[in-house]
């Protein structure tokens, strides 16, 4: 993995108004000490696109799943608990 651009490693801001899945994704990026650039390069997503998820846009399912796969997660549909 590319270790350049470590300024934000583990310190990516997570706005409270972001979608809960996006907040969880960025929380996991911080805990794994991964940068947006590293995920973007491996997932084939523009870094700016992922950054926008925190502030003004919701991710598409395809992009979000690709980003999750890079960090070892996947998006699933599960039944609601009664």
N, C-alpha and C. Protein backbone atom coordinates (compact mmCIF):
# COMPACT_ATOMS: atom_id res chain seq x y z
N UNK A 1 0.84 -1.19 0.00
CA UNK A 1 0.00 0.00 0.00
C UNK A 1 0.88 1.25 0.00
N UNK A 2 0.45 2.25 -0.68
CA UNK A 2 1.17 3.52 -0.76
C UNK A 2 1.08 4.25 0.58
N UNK A 3 2.21 4.62 1.14
CA UNK A 3 2.22 5.30 2.44
C UNK A 3 2.48 6.80 2.33
N UNK A 4 2.34 7.35 1.13
CA UNK A 4 2.47 8.79 0.97
C UNK A 4 1.19 9.47 1.42
N UNK A 5 1.27 10.73 1.76
CA UNK A 5 0.09 11.49 2.15
C UNK A 5 -0.50 11.02 3.45
N UNK A 6 0.33 10.88 4.45
CA UNK A 6 -0.13 10.32 5.72
C UNK A 6 -0.70 11.36 6.67
N UNK A 7 -0.81 12.59 6.25
CA UNK A 7 -1.28 13.67 7.12
C UNK A 7 -2.63 13.36 7.76
N UNK A 8 -3.56 12.76 7.00
CA UNK A 8 -4.90 12.51 7.50
C UNK A 8 -5.10 11.07 7.96
N UNK A 9 -4.04 10.26 7.95
CA UNK A 9 -4.15 8.86 8.34
C UNK A 9 -4.69 8.75 9.77
N UNK A 10 -5.86 8.14 9.93
CA UNK A 10 -6.46 7.97 11.24
C UNK A 10 -7.16 9.20 11.79
N UNK A 11 -7.22 10.29 10.99
CA UNK A 11 -7.81 11.54 11.47
C UNK A 11 -8.83 12.14 10.49
N UNK A 12 -9.42 11.32 9.65
CA UNK A 12 -10.39 11.84 8.69
C UNK A 12 -11.62 12.35 9.44
N UNK A 13 -12.04 13.58 9.17
CA UNK A 13 -13.22 14.11 9.87
C UNK A 13 -14.50 13.39 9.42
N UNK A 14 -15.41 13.19 10.36
CA UNK A 14 -16.67 12.50 10.08
C UNK A 14 -17.82 13.38 10.56
N UNK A 15 -18.44 14.16 9.66
CA UNK A 15 -19.56 15.02 10.08
C UNK A 15 -20.74 14.20 10.59
N UNK A 16 -21.40 14.69 11.61
CA UNK A 16 -22.54 13.99 12.20
C UNK A 16 -23.73 13.91 11.26
N UNK A 17 -23.85 14.85 10.32
CA UNK A 17 -24.99 14.83 9.40
C UNK A 17 -24.82 13.86 8.23
N UNK A 18 -23.65 13.24 8.09
CA UNK A 18 -23.43 12.27 7.02
C UNK A 18 -24.28 11.02 7.26
N UNK A 19 -24.57 10.30 6.21
CA UNK A 19 -25.35 9.07 6.32
C UNK A 19 -24.65 8.12 7.29
N UNK A 20 -25.40 7.36 8.09
CA UNK A 20 -24.78 6.45 9.07
C UNK A 20 -23.81 5.44 8.45
N UNK A 21 -24.10 4.94 7.26
CA UNK A 21 -23.17 4.02 6.61
C UNK A 21 -21.87 4.72 6.23
N UNK A 22 -21.97 5.96 5.79
CA UNK A 22 -20.79 6.74 5.44
C UNK A 22 -19.96 7.02 6.70
N UNK A 23 -20.63 7.37 7.79
CA UNK A 23 -19.90 7.60 9.05
C UNK A 23 -19.17 6.34 9.48
N UNK A 24 -19.83 5.19 9.36
CA UNK A 24 -19.19 3.92 9.74
C UNK A 24 -18.00 3.62 8.84
N UNK A 25 -18.14 3.88 7.54
CA UNK A 25 -17.05 3.67 6.59
C UNK A 25 -15.84 4.51 6.95
N UNK A 26 -16.06 5.80 7.21
CA UNK A 26 -14.93 6.67 7.55
C UNK A 26 -14.35 6.33 8.92
N UNK A 27 -15.17 5.89 9.82
CA UNK A 27 -14.68 5.44 11.12
C UNK A 27 -13.75 4.24 10.94
N UNK A 28 -14.13 3.33 10.05
CA UNK A 28 -13.30 2.16 9.78
C UNK A 28 -12.01 2.55 9.07
N UNK A 29 -12.08 3.52 8.16
CA UNK A 29 -10.85 4.02 7.52
C UNK A 29 -9.89 4.55 8.59
N UNK A 30 -10.42 5.30 9.54
CA UNK A 30 -9.59 5.84 10.61
C UNK A 30 -8.99 4.73 11.47
N UNK A 31 -9.79 3.73 11.81
CA UNK A 31 -9.27 2.67 12.66
C UNK A 31 -8.24 1.81 11.94
N UNK A 32 -8.35 1.69 10.61
CA UNK A 32 -7.37 0.93 9.83
C UNK A 32 -6.19 1.79 9.39
N UNK A 33 -6.22 3.08 9.77
CA UNK A 33 -5.14 4.00 9.39
C UNK A 33 -4.95 4.03 7.87
N UNK A 34 -6.06 4.07 7.14
CA UNK A 34 -6.07 4.08 5.68
C UNK A 34 -6.49 5.45 5.19
N UNK A 35 -5.95 5.88 4.07
CA UNK A 35 -6.30 7.18 3.50
C UNK A 35 -7.29 7.02 2.35
N UNK A 36 -7.97 8.10 2.02
CA UNK A 36 -8.88 8.09 0.87
C UNK A 36 -8.14 7.77 -0.42
N UNK A 37 -6.95 8.29 -0.56
CA UNK A 37 -6.16 8.06 -1.77
C UNK A 37 -5.87 6.57 -1.95
N UNK A 38 -5.52 5.88 -0.87
CA UNK A 38 -5.23 4.45 -0.96
C UNK A 38 -6.47 3.66 -1.37
N UNK A 39 -7.61 3.97 -0.79
CA UNK A 39 -8.85 3.28 -1.13
C UNK A 39 -9.25 3.61 -2.56
N UNK A 40 -9.12 4.86 -2.96
CA UNK A 40 -9.48 5.28 -4.31
C UNK A 40 -8.65 4.54 -5.36
N UNK A 41 -7.36 4.45 -5.14
CA UNK A 41 -6.49 3.78 -6.10
C UNK A 41 -6.85 2.31 -6.25
N UNK A 42 -7.10 1.64 -5.14
CA UNK A 42 -7.38 0.20 -5.17
C UNK A 42 -8.82 -0.09 -5.61
N UNK A 43 -9.76 0.82 -5.35
CA UNK A 43 -11.16 0.58 -5.66
C UNK A 43 -11.63 1.15 -6.98
N UNK A 44 -10.78 1.94 -7.64
CA UNK A 44 -11.17 2.54 -8.91
C UNK A 44 -12.20 3.64 -8.78
N UNK A 45 -12.14 4.36 -7.66
CA UNK A 45 -13.08 5.45 -7.38
C UNK A 45 -12.27 6.73 -7.24
N UNK A 46 -12.81 7.84 -7.69
CA UNK A 46 -12.13 9.12 -7.51
C UNK A 46 -12.10 9.48 -6.03
N UNK A 47 -10.97 9.97 -5.56
CA UNK A 47 -10.83 10.36 -4.16
C UNK A 47 -11.83 11.45 -3.79
N UNK A 48 -12.03 12.40 -4.69
CA UNK A 48 -12.97 13.50 -4.42
C UNK A 48 -14.40 12.98 -4.27
N UNK A 49 -14.75 11.93 -4.99
CA UNK A 49 -16.08 11.34 -4.88
C UNK A 49 -16.31 10.82 -3.47
N UNK A 50 -15.33 10.09 -2.95
CA UNK A 50 -15.47 9.57 -1.58
C UNK A 50 -15.48 10.68 -0.55
N UNK A 51 -14.70 11.70 -0.77
CA UNK A 51 -14.69 12.83 0.16
C UNK A 51 -16.05 13.51 0.19
N UNK A 52 -16.69 13.62 -0.98
CA UNK A 52 -18.02 14.25 -1.06
C UNK A 52 -19.08 13.48 -0.29
N UNK A 53 -18.88 12.18 -0.09
CA UNK A 53 -19.85 11.38 0.66
C UNK A 53 -20.07 11.94 2.07
N UNK A 54 -19.07 12.57 2.61
CA UNK A 54 -19.18 13.10 3.97
C UNK A 54 -19.99 14.38 4.04
N UNK A 55 -20.04 15.13 2.96
CA UNK A 55 -20.59 16.48 3.03
C UNK A 55 -21.84 16.72 2.19
N UNK A 56 -21.86 16.27 0.94
CA UNK A 56 -22.97 16.69 0.09
C UNK A 56 -23.60 15.59 -0.75
N UNK A 57 -23.02 14.43 -0.80
CA UNK A 57 -23.55 13.39 -1.68
C UNK A 57 -23.61 12.04 -0.96
N UNK A 58 -24.54 11.22 -1.39
CA UNK A 58 -24.60 9.84 -0.92
C UNK A 58 -23.93 8.97 -1.97
N UNK A 59 -23.25 7.92 -1.54
CA UNK A 59 -22.56 7.07 -2.51
C UNK A 59 -23.54 6.21 -3.31
N UNK A 60 -23.15 5.87 -4.53
CA UNK A 60 -23.91 4.87 -5.27
C UNK A 60 -23.58 3.51 -4.65
N UNK A 61 -24.46 2.57 -4.83
CA UNK A 61 -24.23 1.24 -4.25
C UNK A 61 -22.95 0.63 -4.81
N UNK A 62 -22.73 0.74 -6.11
CA UNK A 62 -21.54 0.15 -6.73
C UNK A 62 -20.26 0.76 -6.17
N UNK A 63 -20.21 2.09 -6.08
CA UNK A 63 -19.01 2.75 -5.56
C UNK A 63 -18.79 2.44 -4.09
N UNK A 64 -19.87 2.46 -3.31
CA UNK A 64 -19.74 2.21 -1.88
C UNK A 64 -19.28 0.78 -1.63
N UNK A 65 -19.85 -0.17 -2.35
CA UNK A 65 -19.44 -1.56 -2.18
C UNK A 65 -17.98 -1.76 -2.60
N UNK A 66 -17.55 -1.10 -3.67
CA UNK A 66 -16.15 -1.20 -4.11
C UNK A 66 -15.22 -0.66 -3.03
N UNK A 67 -15.58 0.47 -2.44
CA UNK A 67 -14.75 1.06 -1.37
C UNK A 67 -14.73 0.16 -0.14
N UNK A 68 -15.88 -0.41 0.21
CA UNK A 68 -15.94 -1.32 1.35
C UNK A 68 -15.08 -2.56 1.11
N UNK A 69 -15.11 -3.09 -0.10
CA UNK A 69 -14.30 -4.27 -0.42
C UNK A 69 -12.82 -4.02 -0.22
N UNK A 70 -12.37 -2.82 -0.54
CA UNK A 70 -10.95 -2.48 -0.38
C UNK A 70 -10.52 -2.61 1.07
N UNK A 71 -11.41 -2.25 2.00
CA UNK A 71 -11.04 -2.30 3.42
C UNK A 71 -11.52 -3.57 4.11
N UNK A 72 -12.00 -4.55 3.31
CA UNK A 72 -12.36 -5.84 3.87
C UNK A 72 -13.78 -5.97 4.37
N UNK A 73 -14.70 -5.19 3.82
CA UNK A 73 -16.12 -5.25 4.20
C UNK A 73 -16.96 -5.40 2.94
N UNK A 74 -18.24 -5.73 3.14
CA UNK A 74 -19.17 -5.78 2.01
C UNK A 74 -20.52 -5.26 2.48
N UNK A 75 -21.31 -4.80 1.53
CA UNK A 75 -22.65 -4.30 1.79
C UNK A 75 -23.62 -5.46 1.60
N UNK A 76 -24.52 -5.67 2.59
CA UNK A 76 -25.46 -6.78 2.52
C UNK A 76 -26.87 -6.31 2.85
N UNK A 77 -27.83 -7.07 2.38
CA UNK A 77 -29.22 -6.88 2.77
C UNK A 77 -29.53 -7.98 3.79
N UNK A 78 -30.01 -7.57 4.93
CA UNK A 78 -30.34 -8.54 5.97
C UNK A 78 -31.76 -8.28 6.45
N UNK A 79 -32.46 -9.32 6.90
CA UNK A 79 -33.82 -9.11 7.39
C UNK A 79 -33.83 -8.31 8.68
N UNK A 80 -34.92 -7.54 8.86
CA UNK A 80 -35.09 -6.80 10.10
C UNK A 80 -35.36 -7.75 11.25
N UNK A 81 -34.90 -7.38 12.40
CA UNK A 81 -35.21 -8.17 13.59
C UNK A 81 -36.60 -7.78 14.08
N UNK A 82 -37.36 -8.76 14.53
CA UNK A 82 -38.71 -8.47 15.04
C UNK A 82 -38.66 -7.91 16.44
